[in-house]
Amino acid sequence: MTGVVTFLSGPPSLGPLLALGALRSPFKRPRPGVGYSGTGDRLVLPELRVDLARLAAYERVCGFPTGEDSLPLTYPHVLGFPLAMRIMSGRGFPLPLLGLVHTSIEITRHTTLAATGSYELAVHVERLAPHRRGTEAVVVTELRDGGAVLWESTSTYLARHRTETTPAPHEPEPGTLPALEPEPGPLPVLDEWRLAADVGRRYGAASGDRNPIHLHPLTARLFGFPRAIAHGMWTVARCLAAHGTPQAVRVRAEFRAPVLLPGTVAFAADGERFELRGTGETGRVHVSGRVDTLTS
C-alpha cells in the first residue's frame, strides 16, 4: 500500500477531535468529484493494549459475556474510532464531520482476539466515492499481530450534498460496498428489547464516543432529532451479541434508520440474517445484516 505512515505513541483523545471536527465543519463544502490528498495515508498504533475495565463496561452495555479473554467482534472498531476521527477531523479532509452518517460496516475476523494481547492498529481512508445523495468516505481499520491481519473492517460514511448525476435504477454506485440482497420476507422476531434513555450515555462512556445526538434529548434536538438516538455501532453490537458469531467470520451490516431513546425494538433473525426493527407488523427496519462463516 502506498501513502504516508504515521506512528502514534498512544490513542488520540476523542473528545477534542470531535469538537475540532465540529468547528471545522462549516468551512467544508463538499461537491461532486471532491478528492482527498490523504487517501491511503495510515495512522498506526504499533503496540496497542486493551483497557480491560473499559472493555468490561462495553461488554455489559452491548450484552456480550464479560470476563472472557477475547474481544467482542465489534470492539476493534471502538479502538480504531479515535484514529478515524483524527483523520476525518483534519483540516485537509474535505467532508464535514457534522452531519457525516455511518451508513454501513463490513467486519472480517480471521481468528479469536485475546483481550490481553498486544496488537498493531492501523486506520486509513481508502477512497472517496460518489453517492446518489453526496459523497461517501470509505474507511479501513486493521488489527495485526506480527504483520498478519487478524481483524479488519470497512466502514462507509456519507456526507450529503447536491449531486450532478443520479445512478440508473439498480446500478451499484462506484466504490461503495455492495448492498445486501433484499430478504424475500420479514425475518421472525426472536426477542423484544426495551431500551432505556441512558443507553447512549452508557455506550458513550464505554466507547469514548460522546456525540451529543446520543446523550440527551436537549442536545439531540439541536441536530433535528426529537430524542437522543442510539449509536449505530451499539445497535449492531447488540444484535451480534444476541445472534452469536463463529470464530472466523464476516459480518455485513447496514444502518438504515436511527433508534430513538427510550424505545422498544424487535430483534429478528433467521440463519445468517438479522434485523433490528420497530415493534409491530410494519416496524421500520433500523439495522439489517448478515453473518457468514469464513472457510479456509
Protein backbone atom coordinates (compact mmCIF):
# COMPACT_ATOMS: atom_id res chain seq x y z
CA MET A 1 0.00 0.00 0.00
CA THR A 2 1.32 3.47 -0.90
CA GLY A 3 0.91 6.53 1.28
CA VAL A 4 2.42 8.14 4.35
CA VAL A 5 2.55 6.08 7.56
CA THR A 6 2.36 7.99 10.85
CA PHE A 7 3.11 6.11 14.06
CA LEU A 8 1.36 7.25 17.23
CA SER A 9 2.62 6.80 20.78
CA GLY A 10 -0.93 6.45 22.15
CA PRO A 11 -4.56 6.69 21.08
CA PRO A 12 -5.80 10.22 20.32
CA SER A 13 -8.25 11.82 22.75
CA LEU A 14 -11.65 11.51 21.08
CA GLY A 15 -13.46 14.44 22.73
CA PRO A 16 -11.17 17.21 21.43
CA LEU A 17 -11.17 15.62 17.95
CA LEU A 18 -14.98 15.64 17.81
CA ALA A 19 -15.00 19.28 18.94
CA LEU A 20 -12.35 20.24 16.39
CA GLY A 21 -14.22 18.44 13.62
CA ALA A 22 -17.42 20.27 14.57
CA LEU A 23 -15.64 23.65 14.50
CA ARG A 24 -14.16 22.99 11.07
CA SER A 25 -17.36 21.57 9.54
CA PRO A 26 -18.96 24.90 8.47
CA PHE A 27 -15.87 25.69 6.38
CA LYS A 28 -16.02 22.41 4.44
CA ARG A 29 -18.36 22.47 1.47
CA PRO A 30 -18.17 19.14 -0.38
CA ARG A 31 -19.08 18.98 -4.04
CA PRO A 32 -19.37 16.30 -6.71
CA GLY A 33 -16.00 14.82 -7.62
CA VAL A 34 -14.26 16.05 -4.47
CA GLY A 35 -10.89 14.40 -3.82
CA TYR A 36 -8.71 13.79 -0.79
CA SER A 37 -4.93 14.02 -0.96
CA GLY A 38 -4.57 11.86 2.17
CA THR A 39 -6.11 8.77 0.61
CA GLY A 40 -4.01 5.76 1.62
CA ASP A 41 -2.15 7.57 4.43
CA ARG A 42 -2.17 5.39 7.54
CA LEU A 43 -2.29 6.19 11.23
CA VAL A 44 -0.72 3.34 13.21
CA LEU A 45 -0.65 2.43 16.91
CA PRO A 46 2.20 -0.12 16.99
CA GLU A 47 1.74 -1.58 20.49
CA LEU A 48 -1.91 -1.38 21.45
CA ARG A 49 -3.14 -2.94 24.68
CA VAL A 50 -6.77 -3.06 25.70
CA ASP A 51 -8.06 -1.32 28.83
CA LEU A 52 -9.85 -4.26 30.46
CA ALA A 53 -12.09 -2.06 32.65
CA ARG A 54 -13.42 -0.16 29.61
CA LEU A 55 -13.78 -3.42 27.74
CA ALA A 56 -15.93 -4.85 30.55
CA ALA A 57 -18.14 -1.73 30.50
CA TYR A 58 -18.53 -2.12 26.73
CA GLU A 59 -19.44 -5.79 27.07
CA ARG A 60 -22.08 -5.02 29.68
CA VAL A 61 -23.82 -2.26 27.72
CA CYS A 62 -23.80 -4.30 24.48
CA GLY A 63 -24.85 -7.63 26.01
CA PHE A 64 -21.63 -9.58 25.41
CA PRO A 65 -20.33 -12.05 28.03
CA THR A 66 -17.88 -10.46 30.45
CA GLY A 67 -14.65 -11.80 31.89
CA GLU A 68 -13.54 -13.83 28.88
CA ASP A 69 -10.05 -13.38 27.38
CA SER A 70 -11.41 -12.47 23.97
CA LEU A 71 -12.50 -9.27 22.27
CA PRO A 72 -16.10 -8.97 21.03
CA LEU A 73 -16.26 -8.87 17.25
CA THR A 74 -17.13 -5.16 17.15
CA TYR A 75 -14.64 -3.92 19.77
CA PRO A 76 -11.67 -3.26 17.45
CA HIS A 77 -13.88 -0.69 15.72
CA VAL A 78 -14.09 1.15 19.05
CA LEU A 79 -10.29 1.00 19.35
CA GLY A 80 -9.83 2.38 15.84
CA PHE A 81 -12.52 5.07 16.01
CA PRO A 82 -10.28 7.79 17.55
CA LEU A 83 -7.76 7.28 14.73
CA ALA A 84 -10.53 7.58 12.15
CA MET A 85 -11.77 10.76 13.82
CA ARG A 86 -8.25 12.22 13.80
CA ILE A 87 -8.21 11.75 10.03
CA MET A 88 -11.75 12.98 9.38
CA SER A 89 -11.48 15.99 11.70
CA GLY A 90 -8.28 17.09 9.95
CA ARG A 91 -8.08 20.33 8.01
CA GLY A 92 -7.33 18.52 4.74
CA PHE A 93 -10.24 16.06 4.93
CA PRO A 94 -12.89 17.56 2.61
CA LEU A 95 -16.10 16.24 4.20
CA PRO A 96 -17.62 17.98 7.24
CA LEU A 97 -17.67 15.85 10.37
CA LEU A 98 -21.00 17.33 11.46
CA GLY A 99 -23.73 15.50 9.56
CA LEU A 100 -21.46 12.66 8.45
CA VAL A 101 -23.59 9.49 8.65
CA HIS A 102 -22.22 5.98 9.24
CA THR A 103 -24.15 4.00 6.61
CA SER A 104 -22.57 0.53 6.64
CA ILE A 105 -19.80 -1.64 8.02
CA GLU A 106 -18.21 -4.91 6.94
CA ILE A 107 -16.12 -6.74 9.55
CA THR A 108 -13.87 -9.75 8.95
CA ARG A 109 -12.32 -11.65 11.85
CA HIS A 110 -9.86 -14.38 10.94
CA THR A 111 -9.29 -15.74 14.44
CA THR A 112 -10.15 -15.13 18.08
CA LEU A 113 -8.53 -12.00 19.54
CA ALA A 114 -7.21 -12.24 23.09
CA ALA A 115 -8.25 -9.30 25.27
CA THR A 116 -4.82 -9.40 26.95
CA GLY A 117 -2.86 -9.39 23.68
CA SER A 118 -0.75 -6.65 22.10
CA TYR A 119 -1.63 -5.55 18.57
CA GLU A 120 -0.82 -3.10 15.80
CA LEU A 121 -3.84 -0.98 14.93
CA ALA A 122 -3.96 0.91 11.63
CA VAL A 123 -6.62 3.16 10.06
CA HIS A 124 -6.76 4.85 6.67
CA VAL A 125 -9.23 6.36 4.22
CA GLU A 126 -9.24 4.05 1.23
CA ARG A 127 -11.16 6.36 -1.11
CA LEU A 128 -13.95 8.85 -1.52
CA ALA A 129 -16.79 7.53 -3.62
CA PRO A 130 -19.71 9.30 -5.35
CA HIS A 131 -23.14 8.51 -3.93
CA ARG A 132 -26.56 9.47 -5.26
CA ARG A 133 -27.01 11.68 -2.18
CA GLY A 134 -23.48 13.07 -1.91
CA THR A 135 -20.04 11.58 -1.22
CA GLU A 136 -19.02 8.57 0.84
CA ALA A 137 -15.73 8.12 2.65
CA VAL A 138 -14.56 4.50 2.78
CA VAL A 139 -12.52 3.96 5.97
CA VAL A 140 -10.48 0.80 6.63
CA THR A 141 -9.36 -0.39 10.08
CA GLU A 142 -6.94 -3.29 10.61
CA LEU A 143 -5.72 -5.15 13.67
CA ARG A 144 -2.46 -7.02 13.14
CA ASP A 145 -0.09 -9.26 15.06
CA GLY A 146 3.38 -9.91 13.64
CA GLY A 147 2.31 -8.49 10.29
CA ALA A 148 -0.69 -10.81 9.89
CA VAL A 149 -4.13 -9.21 9.64
CA LEU A 150 -6.32 -10.75 12.35
CA TRP A 151 -9.30 -8.42 12.06
CA GLU A 152 -10.33 -5.79 9.52
CA SER A 153 -13.29 -3.59 8.80
CA THR A 154 -14.53 -1.31 6.06
CA SER A 155 -16.94 1.47 7.01
CA THR A 156 -18.77 3.92 4.77
CA TYR A 157 -19.60 7.45 5.97
CA LEU A 158 -21.93 9.60 3.89
CA ALA A 159 -21.77 13.40 3.56
CA ARG A 160 -24.95 14.63 1.91
CA HIS A 161 -24.71 17.37 -0.71
CA ARG A 162 -26.13 18.26 -4.09
CA THR A 163 -25.04 15.91 -6.88
CA GLU A 164 -24.88 16.35 -10.64
CA THR A 165 -25.93 12.89 -11.75
CA THR A 166 -28.12 10.09 -10.45
CA PRO A 167 -27.16 6.40 -10.91
CA ALA A 168 -29.54 4.36 -13.00
CA PRO A 169 -32.02 2.15 -11.09
CA HIS A 170 -30.30 -0.92 -9.58
CA GLU A 171 -26.90 0.34 -10.76
CA PRO A 172 -24.29 -0.06 -8.00
CA GLU A 173 -22.58 3.17 -7.07
CA PRO A 174 -18.85 3.13 -7.80
CA GLY A 175 -16.57 2.48 -4.87
CA THR A 176 -19.25 1.61 -2.33
CA LEU A 177 -19.80 -1.68 -0.55
CA PRO A 178 -22.40 -3.86 -2.32
CA ALA A 179 -25.85 -3.67 -0.77
CA LEU A 180 -27.28 -6.67 1.00
CA GLU A 181 -29.69 -8.68 -1.10
CA PRO A 182 -33.30 -7.98 -0.09
CA GLU A 183 -34.89 -10.57 2.16
CA PRO A 184 -37.88 -12.35 0.46
CA GLY A 185 -40.00 -11.86 3.59
CA PRO A 186 -39.79 -10.47 7.11
CA LEU A 187 -37.42 -12.28 9.47
CA PRO A 188 -39.02 -13.95 12.50
CA VAL A 189 -38.87 -11.90 15.70
CA LEU A 190 -36.87 -13.65 18.41
CA ASP A 191 -36.93 -11.01 21.14
CA GLU A 192 -38.05 -7.51 22.05
CA TRP A 193 -35.77 -5.09 23.87
CA ARG A 194 -36.81 -2.09 25.93
CA LEU A 195 -34.08 0.48 25.55
CA ALA A 196 -33.52 2.88 28.42
CA ALA A 197 -32.95 6.59 27.89
CA ASP A 198 -29.35 6.30 29.14
CA VAL A 199 -28.15 3.70 26.62
CA GLY A 200 -26.37 6.39 24.59
CA ARG A 201 -24.66 7.82 27.67
CA ARG A 202 -23.56 4.37 28.87
CA TYR A 203 -22.24 3.37 25.45
CA GLY A 204 -20.56 6.76 25.09
CA ALA A 205 -18.77 6.30 28.41
CA ALA A 206 -17.56 2.82 27.41
CA SER A 207 -16.57 3.69 23.83
CA GLY A 208 -15.49 7.31 24.22
CA ASP A 209 -17.95 8.41 21.51
CA ARG A 210 -19.85 11.17 23.33
CA ASN A 211 -21.54 12.68 20.29
CA PRO A 212 -24.32 14.96 21.67
CA ILE A 213 -27.01 13.35 19.48
CA HIS A 214 -26.68 10.22 21.63
CA LEU A 215 -26.55 11.75 25.10
CA HIS A 216 -29.65 13.80 25.91
CA PRO A 217 -32.94 14.91 24.28
CA LEU A 218 -31.95 18.59 24.52
CA THR A 219 -28.64 18.15 22.69
CA ALA A 220 -30.22 15.76 20.17
CA ARG A 221 -32.87 18.38 19.30
CA LEU A 222 -30.11 20.78 18.27
CA PHE A 223 -29.40 18.37 15.41
CA GLY A 224 -33.02 17.74 14.43
CA PHE A 225 -33.84 14.61 16.45
CA PRO A 226 -36.89 14.55 18.76
CA ARG A 227 -34.99 12.48 21.33
CA ALA A 228 -31.49 11.06 21.78
CA ILE A 229 -30.63 8.25 19.36
CA ALA A 230 -28.65 5.08 19.95
CA HIS A 231 -25.18 4.77 18.45
CA GLY A 232 -25.29 2.78 15.23
CA MET A 233 -22.37 0.63 16.39
CA TRP A 234 -24.23 -0.12 19.62
CA THR A 235 -27.21 -1.41 17.64
CA VAL A 236 -25.12 -3.79 15.53
CA ALA A 237 -23.07 -4.92 18.55
CA ARG A 238 -26.26 -5.67 20.49
CA CYS A 239 -27.62 -7.68 17.55
CA LEU A 240 -24.39 -9.69 17.20
CA ALA A 241 -24.29 -10.38 20.95
CA ALA A 242 -27.76 -11.92 20.60
CA HIS A 243 -27.10 -13.64 17.27
CA GLY A 244 -23.67 -15.09 18.07
CA THR A 245 -20.72 -15.30 15.67
CA PRO A 246 -18.24 -18.05 14.76
CA GLN A 247 -14.51 -17.63 15.34
CA ALA A 248 -13.69 -16.90 11.69
CA VAL A 249 -16.47 -14.70 10.37
CA ARG A 250 -17.51 -11.92 8.02
CA VAL A 251 -20.33 -9.59 9.06
CA ARG A 252 -22.02 -7.00 6.87
CA ALA A 253 -24.45 -4.50 8.41
CA GLU A 254 -26.35 -1.52 7.06
CA PHE A 255 -27.62 1.32 9.27
CA ARG A 256 -30.98 2.25 7.81
CA ALA A 257 -32.82 4.38 10.40
CA PRO A 258 -31.98 5.85 13.82
CA VAL A 259 -33.23 4.22 17.03
CA LEU A 260 -34.84 6.75 19.36
CA LEU A 261 -34.21 6.52 23.11
CA PRO A 262 -36.03 5.42 25.16
CA GLY A 263 -37.88 2.94 22.97
CA THR A 264 -38.74 -0.65 22.19
CA VAL A 265 -37.25 -2.59 19.29
CA ALA A 266 -37.59 -6.12 17.94
CA PHE A 267 -34.61 -8.36 17.21
CA ALA A 268 -35.28 -10.68 14.28
CA ALA A 269 -33.05 -13.36 12.78
CA ASP A 270 -33.15 -16.43 10.58
CA GLY A 271 -29.94 -18.30 9.82
CA GLU A 272 -27.27 -15.87 8.68
CA ARG A 273 -29.59 -12.84 8.50
CA PHE A 274 -30.54 -10.48 11.30
CA GLU A 275 -32.50 -7.25 11.72
CA LEU A 276 -33.35 -4.70 14.35
CA ARG A 277 -36.68 -3.05 13.69
CA GLY A 278 -39.56 -1.28 15.33
CA THR A 279 -42.23 -3.33 17.02
CA GLY A 280 -45.40 -4.36 15.20
CA GLU A 281 -46.09 -5.90 11.82
CA THR A 282 -44.83 -2.93 9.82
CA GLY A 283 -41.98 -1.91 12.11
CA ARG A 284 -39.32 0.26 10.49
CA VAL A 285 -36.00 -1.54 9.93
CA HIS A 286 -33.17 0.18 11.79
CA VAL A 287 -30.32 -2.27 11.09
CA SER A 288 -30.06 -5.18 8.67
CA GLY A 289 -27.15 -7.55 8.48
CA ARG A 290 -25.67 -10.90 7.64
CA VAL A 291 -23.22 -13.21 9.44
CA ASP A 292 -21.17 -15.60 7.28
CA THR A 293 -18.68 -18.20 8.46
CA LEU A 294 -15.28 -17.95 6.78
CA THR A 295 -13.99 -21.15 5.27
CA SER A 296 -10.30 -21.81 4.67
